[in-house]
């Protein structure tokens, strides 16, 4: 177990986390070069093991919801898998 206290976020970091995520195709995507951002492999992605989830209310753009719902039952699980992958990448790059 790690005895270090979690890093406290600066005001700028808190503001950045609160603002919408906007990826610039010319800058951020090229900088990140993360396997998770590629379209190949998503079809074969394994869903995480079921754990006890927390019930929240989340507002998403209509086209985002339509995209996930169009893939059939389990859209909330797939949305959680995408958010989990994003979290893991951020942690890997020390941005948690």
N, C-alpha and C. Protein backbone atom coordinates (compact mmCIF):
# COMPACT_ATOMS: atom_id res chain seq x y z
N UNK A 1 0.86 -1.19 0.00
CA UNK A 1 0.00 0.00 0.00
C UNK A 1 0.89 1.24 0.00
N UNK A 2 0.52 2.20 -0.76
CA UNK A 2 1.31 3.41 -0.91
C UNK A 2 0.95 4.40 0.19
N UNK A 3 1.96 4.92 0.91
CA UNK A 3 1.72 5.84 2.02
C UNK A 3 1.63 7.29 1.59
N UNK A 4 1.92 7.56 0.31
CA UNK A 4 1.88 8.95 -0.15
C UNK A 4 0.45 9.44 -0.25
N UNK A 5 0.24 10.69 0.16
CA UNK A 5 -1.08 11.30 0.02
C UNK A 5 -1.30 11.63 -1.45
N UNK A 6 -2.55 11.59 -1.91
CA UNK A 6 -2.81 11.93 -3.30
C UNK A 6 -2.39 13.37 -3.59
N UNK A 7 -1.93 13.59 -4.82
CA UNK A 7 -1.50 14.93 -5.23
C UNK A 7 -2.71 15.86 -5.23
N UNK A 8 -2.52 17.03 -4.66
CA UNK A 8 -3.58 18.04 -4.69
C UNK A 8 -3.53 18.76 -6.02
N UNK A 9 -4.68 18.98 -6.61
CA UNK A 9 -4.75 19.64 -7.91
C UNK A 9 -4.69 21.15 -7.75
N UNK A 10 -4.03 21.79 -8.70
CA UNK A 10 -4.01 23.24 -8.72
C UNK A 10 -5.35 23.75 -9.24
N UNK A 11 -5.60 25.03 -9.09
CA UNK A 11 -6.83 25.62 -9.60
C UNK A 11 -6.91 25.43 -11.11
N UNK A 12 -5.79 25.60 -11.81
CA UNK A 12 -5.77 25.43 -13.26
C UNK A 12 -6.11 24.00 -13.65
N UNK A 13 -5.58 23.03 -12.89
CA UNK A 13 -5.88 21.62 -13.17
C UNK A 13 -7.36 21.32 -12.93
N UNK A 14 -7.92 21.87 -11.86
CA UNK A 14 -9.34 21.67 -11.58
C UNK A 14 -10.20 22.27 -12.69
N UNK A 15 -9.83 23.45 -13.16
CA UNK A 15 -10.58 24.08 -14.26
C UNK A 15 -10.48 23.25 -15.53
N UNK A 16 -9.28 22.72 -15.80
CA UNK A 16 -9.08 21.90 -17.00
C UNK A 16 -9.93 20.63 -16.94
N UNK A 17 -10.02 20.04 -15.76
CA UNK A 17 -10.83 18.84 -15.61
C UNK A 17 -12.32 19.13 -15.71
N UNK A 18 -12.71 20.32 -15.31
CA UNK A 18 -14.13 20.69 -15.35
C UNK A 18 -14.58 21.10 -16.74
N UNK A 19 -13.65 21.50 -17.60
CA UNK A 19 -14.02 21.94 -18.94
C UNK A 19 -14.23 20.73 -19.85
N UNK A 20 -15.00 20.90 -20.93
CA UNK A 20 -15.24 19.78 -21.83
C UNK A 20 -13.94 19.33 -22.50
N UNK A 21 -13.85 18.04 -22.75
CA UNK A 21 -12.69 17.48 -23.43
C UNK A 21 -12.84 17.73 -24.92
N UNK A 22 -11.91 18.48 -25.50
CA UNK A 22 -11.93 18.76 -26.93
C UNK A 22 -10.59 18.34 -27.49
N UNK A 23 -10.60 17.36 -28.37
CA UNK A 23 -9.37 16.90 -28.98
C UNK A 23 -9.16 17.61 -30.30
N UNK A 24 -8.03 18.24 -30.44
CA UNK A 24 -7.66 18.89 -31.68
C UNK A 24 -6.94 17.86 -32.55
N UNK A 25 -7.45 17.56 -33.74
CA UNK A 25 -6.83 16.52 -34.56
C UNK A 25 -5.37 16.83 -34.90
N UNK A 26 -5.00 18.09 -34.96
CA UNK A 26 -3.64 18.42 -35.35
C UNK A 26 -2.67 18.43 -34.18
N UNK A 27 -3.16 18.56 -32.95
CA UNK A 27 -2.26 18.67 -31.81
C UNK A 27 -2.40 17.52 -30.83
N UNK A 28 -3.50 17.47 -30.09
CA UNK A 28 -3.61 16.54 -28.97
C UNK A 28 -3.56 15.08 -29.39
N UNK A 29 -4.27 14.71 -30.44
CA UNK A 29 -4.27 13.31 -30.83
C UNK A 29 -2.87 12.88 -31.24
N UNK A 30 -2.17 13.72 -31.97
CA UNK A 30 -0.81 13.41 -32.40
C UNK A 30 0.11 13.31 -31.18
N UNK A 31 -0.06 14.18 -30.21
CA UNK A 31 0.78 14.17 -29.01
C UNK A 31 0.57 12.91 -28.19
N UNK A 32 -0.69 12.48 -28.03
CA UNK A 32 -0.99 11.34 -27.17
C UNK A 32 -0.55 10.01 -27.78
N UNK A 33 -0.82 9.80 -29.07
CA UNK A 33 -0.49 8.56 -29.75
C UNK A 33 -0.78 7.35 -28.87
N UNK A 34 -2.00 7.20 -28.46
CA UNK A 34 -2.41 6.16 -27.54
C UNK A 34 -3.18 5.10 -28.31
N UNK A 35 -2.87 3.84 -28.05
CA UNK A 35 -3.55 2.74 -28.72
C UNK A 35 -5.06 2.83 -28.52
N UNK A 36 -5.50 3.26 -27.34
CA UNK A 36 -6.93 3.30 -27.04
C UNK A 36 -7.69 4.27 -27.95
N UNK A 37 -6.99 5.23 -28.56
CA UNK A 37 -7.67 6.20 -29.41
C UNK A 37 -7.88 5.68 -30.84
N UNK A 38 -7.27 4.57 -31.18
CA UNK A 38 -7.42 4.00 -32.52
C UNK A 38 -8.71 3.21 -32.61
N UNK A 39 -9.29 3.15 -33.81
CA UNK A 39 -10.55 2.45 -33.98
C UNK A 39 -10.37 0.94 -34.05
N UNK A 40 -9.21 0.46 -34.55
CA UNK A 40 -9.00 -0.98 -34.58
C UNK A 40 -8.94 -1.49 -33.15
N UNK A 41 -9.42 -2.68 -32.95
CA UNK A 41 -9.33 -3.27 -31.62
C UNK A 41 -10.54 -3.04 -30.74
N UNK A 42 -11.34 -2.02 -31.00
CA UNK A 42 -12.52 -1.77 -30.17
C UNK A 42 -13.53 -2.89 -30.34
N UNK A 43 -13.62 -3.47 -31.55
CA UNK A 43 -14.57 -4.55 -31.79
C UNK A 43 -14.21 -5.78 -30.95
N UNK A 44 -12.92 -5.98 -30.69
CA UNK A 44 -12.46 -7.14 -29.92
C UNK A 44 -12.22 -6.80 -28.45
N UNK A 45 -12.54 -5.58 -28.05
CA UNK A 45 -12.26 -5.15 -26.67
C UNK A 45 -13.07 -6.00 -25.70
N UNK A 46 -12.42 -6.38 -24.62
CA UNK A 46 -13.10 -7.15 -23.58
C UNK A 46 -13.69 -6.19 -22.57
N UNK A 47 -14.92 -6.46 -22.19
CA UNK A 47 -15.57 -5.62 -21.19
C UNK A 47 -15.01 -5.99 -19.81
N UNK A 48 -14.87 -5.00 -18.94
CA UNK A 48 -14.31 -5.28 -17.62
C UNK A 48 -15.23 -6.19 -16.81
N UNK A 49 -14.63 -6.88 -15.86
CA UNK A 49 -15.39 -7.75 -14.98
C UNK A 49 -16.44 -6.91 -14.24
N UNK A 50 -17.61 -7.50 -14.04
CA UNK A 50 -18.69 -6.77 -13.37
C UNK A 50 -18.33 -6.46 -11.92
N UNK A 51 -18.49 -5.23 -11.53
CA UNK A 51 -18.28 -4.82 -10.15
C UNK A 51 -19.48 -4.00 -9.72
N UNK A 52 -19.56 -3.75 -8.45
CA UNK A 52 -20.67 -2.93 -7.95
C UNK A 52 -20.48 -1.51 -8.46
N UNK A 53 -21.45 -1.00 -9.14
CA UNK A 53 -21.37 0.33 -9.75
C UNK A 53 -22.10 1.35 -8.87
N UNK A 54 -21.77 2.62 -9.10
CA UNK A 54 -22.46 3.72 -8.42
C UNK A 54 -23.46 4.32 -9.39
N UNK A 55 -24.64 4.58 -8.92
CA UNK A 55 -25.68 5.19 -9.72
C UNK A 55 -25.45 6.71 -9.75
N UNK A 56 -25.33 7.25 -10.98
CA UNK A 56 -25.14 8.69 -11.14
C UNK A 56 -26.08 9.20 -12.22
N UNK A 57 -26.17 10.49 -12.32
CA UNK A 57 -26.87 11.13 -13.42
C UNK A 57 -25.80 11.81 -14.26
N UNK A 58 -25.76 11.49 -15.55
CA UNK A 58 -24.72 11.99 -16.43
C UNK A 58 -25.36 12.58 -17.68
N UNK A 59 -24.98 13.79 -18.01
CA UNK A 59 -25.50 14.42 -19.23
C UNK A 59 -24.47 14.25 -20.34
N UNK A 60 -24.93 13.69 -21.46
CA UNK A 60 -24.07 13.51 -22.63
C UNK A 60 -24.77 14.10 -23.85
N UNK A 61 -23.99 14.39 -24.87
CA UNK A 61 -24.56 14.89 -26.11
C UNK A 61 -25.46 13.83 -26.73
N UNK A 62 -26.57 14.25 -27.36
CA UNK A 62 -27.50 13.28 -27.94
C UNK A 62 -26.83 12.32 -28.93
N UNK A 63 -25.90 12.84 -29.73
CA UNK A 63 -25.25 11.97 -30.71
C UNK A 63 -24.36 10.91 -30.05
N UNK A 64 -23.80 11.23 -28.88
CA UNK A 64 -23.00 10.25 -28.14
C UNK A 64 -23.91 9.13 -27.65
N UNK A 65 -25.02 9.49 -27.05
CA UNK A 65 -25.97 8.48 -26.55
C UNK A 65 -26.51 7.64 -27.71
N UNK A 66 -26.88 8.28 -28.81
CA UNK A 66 -27.40 7.55 -29.97
C UNK A 66 -26.37 6.57 -30.51
N UNK A 67 -25.09 6.97 -30.53
CA UNK A 67 -24.02 6.10 -31.01
C UNK A 67 -23.94 4.83 -30.18
N UNK A 68 -23.90 4.99 -28.85
CA UNK A 68 -23.77 3.82 -28.00
C UNK A 68 -25.04 2.96 -28.00
N UNK A 69 -26.21 3.59 -28.00
CA UNK A 69 -27.46 2.83 -28.02
C UNK A 69 -27.62 2.05 -29.33
N UNK A 70 -27.12 2.61 -30.43
CA UNK A 70 -27.25 1.95 -31.74
C UNK A 70 -26.49 0.63 -31.78
N UNK A 71 -25.55 0.42 -30.87
CA UNK A 71 -24.78 -0.82 -30.82
C UNK A 71 -25.50 -1.93 -30.08
N UNK A 72 -26.69 -1.63 -29.57
CA UNK A 72 -27.50 -2.67 -28.93
C UNK A 72 -27.42 -2.65 -27.42
N UNK A 73 -28.01 -3.67 -26.80
CA UNK A 73 -28.03 -3.76 -25.34
C UNK A 73 -26.62 -3.72 -24.76
N UNK A 74 -26.51 -3.14 -23.58
CA UNK A 74 -25.23 -3.03 -22.91
C UNK A 74 -24.51 -1.73 -23.20
N UNK A 75 -25.23 -0.74 -23.70
CA UNK A 75 -24.58 0.52 -24.07
C UNK A 75 -23.96 1.21 -22.86
N UNK A 76 -24.60 1.11 -21.69
CA UNK A 76 -24.03 1.76 -20.50
C UNK A 76 -22.73 1.08 -20.08
N UNK A 77 -22.66 -0.23 -20.23
CA UNK A 77 -21.44 -0.96 -19.92
C UNK A 77 -20.33 -0.56 -20.88
N UNK A 78 -20.66 -0.39 -22.16
CA UNK A 78 -19.65 0.05 -23.14
C UNK A 78 -19.19 1.47 -22.84
N UNK A 79 -20.11 2.34 -22.45
CA UNK A 79 -19.72 3.71 -22.11
C UNK A 79 -18.78 3.69 -20.90
N UNK A 80 -19.07 2.84 -19.92
CA UNK A 80 -18.21 2.72 -18.75
C UNK A 80 -16.84 2.19 -19.16
N UNK A 81 -16.79 1.25 -20.11
CA UNK A 81 -15.51 0.70 -20.58
C UNK A 81 -14.66 1.78 -21.23
N UNK A 82 -15.30 2.67 -22.01
CA UNK A 82 -14.56 3.77 -22.65
C UNK A 82 -14.03 4.73 -21.58
N UNK A 83 -14.84 5.06 -20.60
CA UNK A 83 -14.39 5.94 -19.52
C UNK A 83 -13.28 5.29 -18.70
N UNK A 84 -13.36 3.99 -18.50
CA UNK A 84 -12.31 3.26 -17.76
C UNK A 84 -11.01 3.30 -18.54
N UNK A 85 -11.07 3.08 -19.86
CA UNK A 85 -9.87 3.13 -20.69
C UNK A 85 -9.24 4.52 -20.65
N UNK A 86 -10.07 5.56 -20.71
CA UNK A 86 -9.58 6.94 -20.62
C UNK A 86 -8.87 7.17 -19.29
N UNK A 87 -9.50 6.70 -18.21
CA UNK A 87 -8.92 6.85 -16.87
C UNK A 87 -7.56 6.15 -16.79
N UNK A 88 -7.47 4.94 -17.33
CA UNK A 88 -6.22 4.19 -17.27
C UNK A 88 -5.11 4.89 -18.05
N UNK A 89 -5.44 5.47 -19.20
CA UNK A 89 -4.44 6.20 -19.99
C UNK A 89 -3.97 7.43 -19.23
N UNK A 90 -4.90 8.17 -18.63
CA UNK A 90 -4.53 9.35 -17.86
C UNK A 90 -3.63 8.97 -16.69
N UNK A 91 -3.94 7.87 -16.01
CA UNK A 91 -3.12 7.42 -14.89
C UNK A 91 -1.73 7.01 -15.38
N UNK A 92 -1.68 6.33 -16.53
CA UNK A 92 -0.41 5.89 -17.09
C UNK A 92 0.50 7.07 -17.38
N UNK A 93 -0.08 8.17 -17.83
CA UNK A 93 0.70 9.36 -18.15
C UNK A 93 0.81 10.31 -16.96
N UNK A 94 0.43 9.85 -15.77
CA UNK A 94 0.57 10.65 -14.55
C UNK A 94 -0.34 11.84 -14.48
N UNK A 95 -1.49 11.75 -15.12
CA UNK A 95 -2.42 12.88 -15.15
C UNK A 95 -3.67 12.59 -14.33
N UNK A 96 -3.57 11.71 -13.37
CA UNK A 96 -4.76 11.36 -12.58
C UNK A 96 -5.04 12.36 -11.50
